[in-house]
């Protein structure tokens, strides 16, 4: 049987099935896994440029999205 290319939708369905089999009950996707990875790199290094390289972004503007959660945390801490 010849190999067929996997579509992005098929990959997402397979990811969901594997997550379900692993007992993960919250909504997950390949993209959410990418975000989790980026946030882990940022937490470990504190370096947005390291995140940029790890994700393979050409522009730092694409990577700045991952700082938004940290901005919110700073705003919440400042209110206290």
N, C-alpha and C. Protein backbone atom coordinates (compact mmCIF):
# COMPACT_ATOMS: atom_id res chain seq x y z
N UNK A 1 0.84 -1.17 0.00
CA UNK A 1 0.00 0.00 0.00
C UNK A 1 0.89 1.23 0.00
N UNK A 2 0.68 2.14 -0.93
CA UNK A 2 1.56 3.33 -1.01
C UNK A 2 1.32 4.28 0.17
N UNK A 3 2.38 4.95 0.60
CA UNK A 3 2.27 5.95 1.66
C UNK A 3 1.60 7.20 1.12
N UNK A 4 0.68 7.74 1.92
CA UNK A 4 0.05 9.00 1.54
C UNK A 4 0.51 10.07 2.52
N UNK A 5 0.51 11.27 2.06
CA UNK A 5 0.90 12.37 2.94
C UNK A 5 -0.15 12.56 4.02
N UNK A 6 0.33 12.97 5.18
CA UNK A 6 -0.58 13.25 6.28
C UNK A 6 -1.00 14.70 6.22
N UNK A 7 -2.28 14.95 6.26
CA UNK A 7 -2.77 16.33 6.26
C UNK A 7 -2.64 16.90 7.68
N UNK A 8 -2.71 18.21 7.79
CA UNK A 8 -2.66 18.84 9.11
C UNK A 8 -3.86 18.42 9.94
N UNK A 9 -5.00 18.24 9.29
CA UNK A 9 -6.20 17.82 10.03
C UNK A 9 -6.03 16.40 10.56
N UNK A 10 -5.44 15.52 9.75
CA UNK A 10 -5.20 14.15 10.21
C UNK A 10 -4.22 14.15 11.39
N UNK A 11 -3.19 14.97 11.31
CA UNK A 11 -2.22 15.06 12.41
C UNK A 11 -2.91 15.54 13.69
N UNK A 12 -3.81 16.52 13.56
CA UNK A 12 -4.53 17.04 14.73
C UNK A 12 -5.43 15.95 15.34
N UNK A 13 -6.10 15.18 14.50
CA UNK A 13 -6.95 14.09 15.00
C UNK A 13 -6.12 13.02 15.70
N UNK A 14 -4.99 12.69 15.12
CA UNK A 14 -4.10 11.70 15.74
C UNK A 14 -3.59 12.22 17.08
N UNK A 15 -3.24 13.49 17.13
CA UNK A 15 -2.78 14.11 18.38
C UNK A 15 -3.86 14.03 19.44
N UNK A 16 -5.11 14.34 19.06
CA UNK A 16 -6.24 14.26 20.00
C UNK A 16 -6.43 12.84 20.51
N UNK A 17 -6.33 11.87 19.62
CA UNK A 17 -6.50 10.47 20.01
C UNK A 17 -5.41 10.04 20.99
N UNK A 18 -4.18 10.43 20.73
CA UNK A 18 -3.08 10.09 21.62
C UNK A 18 -3.21 10.78 22.97
N UNK A 19 -3.66 12.03 22.96
CA UNK A 19 -3.87 12.75 24.22
C UNK A 19 -4.96 12.07 25.04
N UNK A 20 -6.02 11.67 24.37
CA UNK A 20 -7.12 10.98 25.04
C UNK A 20 -6.63 9.67 25.64
N UNK A 21 -5.85 8.92 24.86
CA UNK A 21 -5.31 7.64 25.34
C UNK A 21 -4.39 7.85 26.54
N UNK A 22 -3.72 8.99 26.59
CA UNK A 22 -2.81 9.31 27.70
C UNK A 22 -3.56 9.82 28.93
N UNK A 23 -4.88 9.98 28.79
CA UNK A 23 -5.68 10.44 29.93
C UNK A 23 -5.76 11.95 30.06
N UNK A 24 -5.35 12.68 29.05
CA UNK A 24 -5.43 14.14 29.08
C UNK A 24 -6.86 14.53 28.74
N UNK A 25 -7.51 15.24 29.65
CA UNK A 25 -8.93 15.54 29.45
C UNK A 25 -9.18 16.97 28.99
N UNK A 26 -8.22 17.85 29.19
CA UNK A 26 -8.45 19.24 28.75
C UNK A 26 -8.21 19.35 27.24
N UNK A 27 -8.67 20.44 26.66
CA UNK A 27 -8.51 20.65 25.23
C UNK A 27 -7.04 20.89 24.90
N UNK A 28 -6.50 20.09 24.00
CA UNK A 28 -5.11 20.24 23.57
C UNK A 28 -5.05 20.15 22.05
N UNK A 29 -3.98 20.70 21.51
CA UNK A 29 -3.76 20.65 20.07
C UNK A 29 -2.25 20.70 19.84
N UNK A 30 -1.81 20.39 18.63
CA UNK A 30 -0.38 20.54 18.36
C UNK A 30 0.09 21.98 18.62
N UNK A 31 -0.77 22.95 18.33
CA UNK A 31 -0.40 24.34 18.55
C UNK A 31 -0.27 24.65 20.04
N UNK A 32 -1.15 24.08 20.86
CA UNK A 32 -1.05 24.32 22.31
C UNK A 32 0.24 23.70 22.85
N UNK A 33 0.66 22.58 22.27
CA UNK A 33 1.92 21.96 22.67
C UNK A 33 3.10 22.88 22.32
N UNK A 34 3.02 23.53 21.18
CA UNK A 34 4.05 24.48 20.76
C UNK A 34 4.12 25.66 21.73
N UNK A 35 2.95 26.15 22.15
CA UNK A 35 2.92 27.25 23.12
C UNK A 35 3.53 26.82 24.45
N UNK A 36 3.20 25.61 24.89
CA UNK A 36 3.74 25.11 26.15
C UNK A 36 5.26 25.02 26.08
N UNK A 37 5.77 24.54 24.95
CA UNK A 37 7.22 24.46 24.75
C UNK A 37 7.85 25.85 24.80
N UNK A 38 7.24 26.81 24.11
CA UNK A 38 7.78 28.17 24.08
C UNK A 38 7.79 28.78 25.48
N UNK A 39 6.72 28.56 26.22
CA UNK A 39 6.65 29.10 27.58
C UNK A 39 7.69 28.46 28.48
N UNK A 40 7.97 27.17 28.27
CA UNK A 40 8.99 26.49 29.07
C UNK A 40 10.38 27.04 28.76
N UNK A 41 10.66 27.28 27.48
CA UNK A 41 11.95 27.85 27.10
C UNK A 41 12.09 29.25 27.71
N UNK A 42 11.03 30.04 27.65
CA UNK A 42 11.06 31.38 28.22
C UNK A 42 11.25 31.33 29.73
N UNK A 43 10.57 30.42 30.40
CA UNK A 43 10.70 30.31 31.86
C UNK A 43 12.11 29.89 32.27
N UNK A 44 12.71 29.01 31.50
CA UNK A 44 14.05 28.53 31.84
C UNK A 44 15.15 29.52 31.52
N UNK A 45 14.98 30.25 30.42
CA UNK A 45 16.07 31.13 29.98
C UNK A 45 15.79 32.60 30.28
N UNK A 46 14.51 32.98 30.30
CA UNK A 46 14.17 34.39 30.44
C UNK A 46 14.55 35.20 29.21
N UNK A 47 14.85 34.51 28.13
CA UNK A 47 15.38 35.16 26.93
C UNK A 47 14.43 34.96 25.76
N UNK A 48 13.76 36.01 25.35
CA UNK A 48 12.80 35.92 24.25
C UNK A 48 13.50 35.56 22.93
N UNK A 49 14.77 35.92 22.81
CA UNK A 49 15.51 35.57 21.60
C UNK A 49 15.79 34.07 21.54
N UNK A 50 15.96 33.43 22.69
CA UNK A 50 16.12 31.97 22.73
C UNK A 50 14.82 31.30 22.28
N UNK A 51 13.70 31.87 22.69
CA UNK A 51 12.39 31.34 22.26
C UNK A 51 12.24 31.49 20.76
N UNK A 52 12.62 32.65 20.25
CA UNK A 52 12.56 32.91 18.81
C UNK A 52 13.32 31.84 18.04
N UNK A 53 14.53 31.55 18.48
CA UNK A 53 15.36 30.54 17.81
C UNK A 53 14.77 29.15 17.96
N UNK A 54 14.28 28.83 19.16
CA UNK A 54 13.73 27.49 19.41
C UNK A 54 12.50 27.22 18.53
N UNK A 55 11.71 28.25 18.28
CA UNK A 55 10.50 28.08 17.47
C UNK A 55 10.76 28.26 15.98
N UNK A 56 11.93 28.78 15.65
CA UNK A 56 12.25 28.97 14.24
C UNK A 56 11.55 30.17 13.62
N UNK A 57 11.21 31.15 14.44
CA UNK A 57 10.58 32.36 13.91
C UNK A 57 11.61 33.21 13.19
N UNK A 58 11.19 33.83 12.11
CA UNK A 58 12.07 34.77 11.40
C UNK A 58 12.08 36.13 12.09
N UNK A 59 10.92 36.50 12.59
CA UNK A 59 10.76 37.84 13.18
C UNK A 59 10.50 37.74 14.67
N UNK A 60 11.13 38.61 15.43
CA UNK A 60 10.90 38.65 16.88
C UNK A 60 9.46 39.06 17.18
N UNK A 61 8.83 39.78 16.26
CA UNK A 61 7.44 40.20 16.46
C UNK A 61 6.52 38.99 16.61
N UNK A 62 6.82 37.92 15.90
CA UNK A 62 6.01 36.70 16.01
C UNK A 62 6.17 36.05 17.38
N UNK A 63 7.30 36.26 17.99
CA UNK A 63 7.61 35.61 19.27
C UNK A 63 7.11 36.42 20.46
N UNK A 64 6.91 37.69 20.29
CA UNK A 64 6.51 38.55 21.41
C UNK A 64 5.17 38.15 22.02
N UNK A 65 4.38 37.38 21.31
CA UNK A 65 3.10 36.87 21.82
C UNK A 65 3.31 36.13 23.14
N UNK A 66 4.44 35.46 23.26
CA UNK A 66 4.71 34.65 24.44
C UNK A 66 5.03 35.48 25.68
N UNK A 67 5.26 36.76 25.52
CA UNK A 67 5.48 37.63 26.67
C UNK A 67 4.18 38.12 27.28
N UNK A 68 3.08 38.01 26.56
CA UNK A 68 1.81 38.56 27.02
C UNK A 68 1.41 38.02 28.39
N UNK A 69 1.55 36.73 28.62
CA UNK A 69 1.21 36.15 29.92
C UNK A 69 2.05 36.74 31.04
N UNK A 70 3.29 37.02 30.75
CA UNK A 70 4.17 37.62 31.77
C UNK A 70 3.75 39.06 32.06
N UNK A 71 3.32 39.77 31.06
CA UNK A 71 2.84 41.14 31.29
C UNK A 71 1.64 41.14 32.21
N UNK A 72 0.72 40.19 31.98
CA UNK A 72 -0.45 40.09 32.83
C UNK A 72 -0.06 39.76 34.27
N UNK A 73 0.91 38.89 34.45
CA UNK A 73 1.36 38.53 35.80
C UNK A 73 1.95 39.75 36.51
N UNK A 74 2.70 40.56 35.79
CA UNK A 74 3.28 41.78 36.36
C UNK A 74 2.16 42.75 36.73
N UNK A 75 1.18 42.90 35.85
CA UNK A 75 0.05 43.80 36.15
C UNK A 75 -0.70 43.35 37.41
N UNK A 76 -0.94 42.04 37.53
CA UNK A 76 -1.64 41.51 38.71
C UNK A 76 -0.82 41.74 39.97
N UNK A 77 0.48 41.55 39.88
CA UNK A 77 1.34 41.73 41.05
C UNK A 77 1.40 43.20 41.45
N UNK A 78 1.33 44.10 40.50
CA UNK A 78 1.41 45.52 40.79
C UNK A 78 0.16 46.02 41.48
N UNK A 79 -0.97 45.35 41.28
CA UNK A 79 -2.23 45.77 41.86
C UNK A 79 -2.27 45.47 43.35
N UNK A 80 -1.54 44.48 43.79
CA UNK A 80 -1.56 44.05 45.20
C UNK A 80 -1.07 45.08 46.12
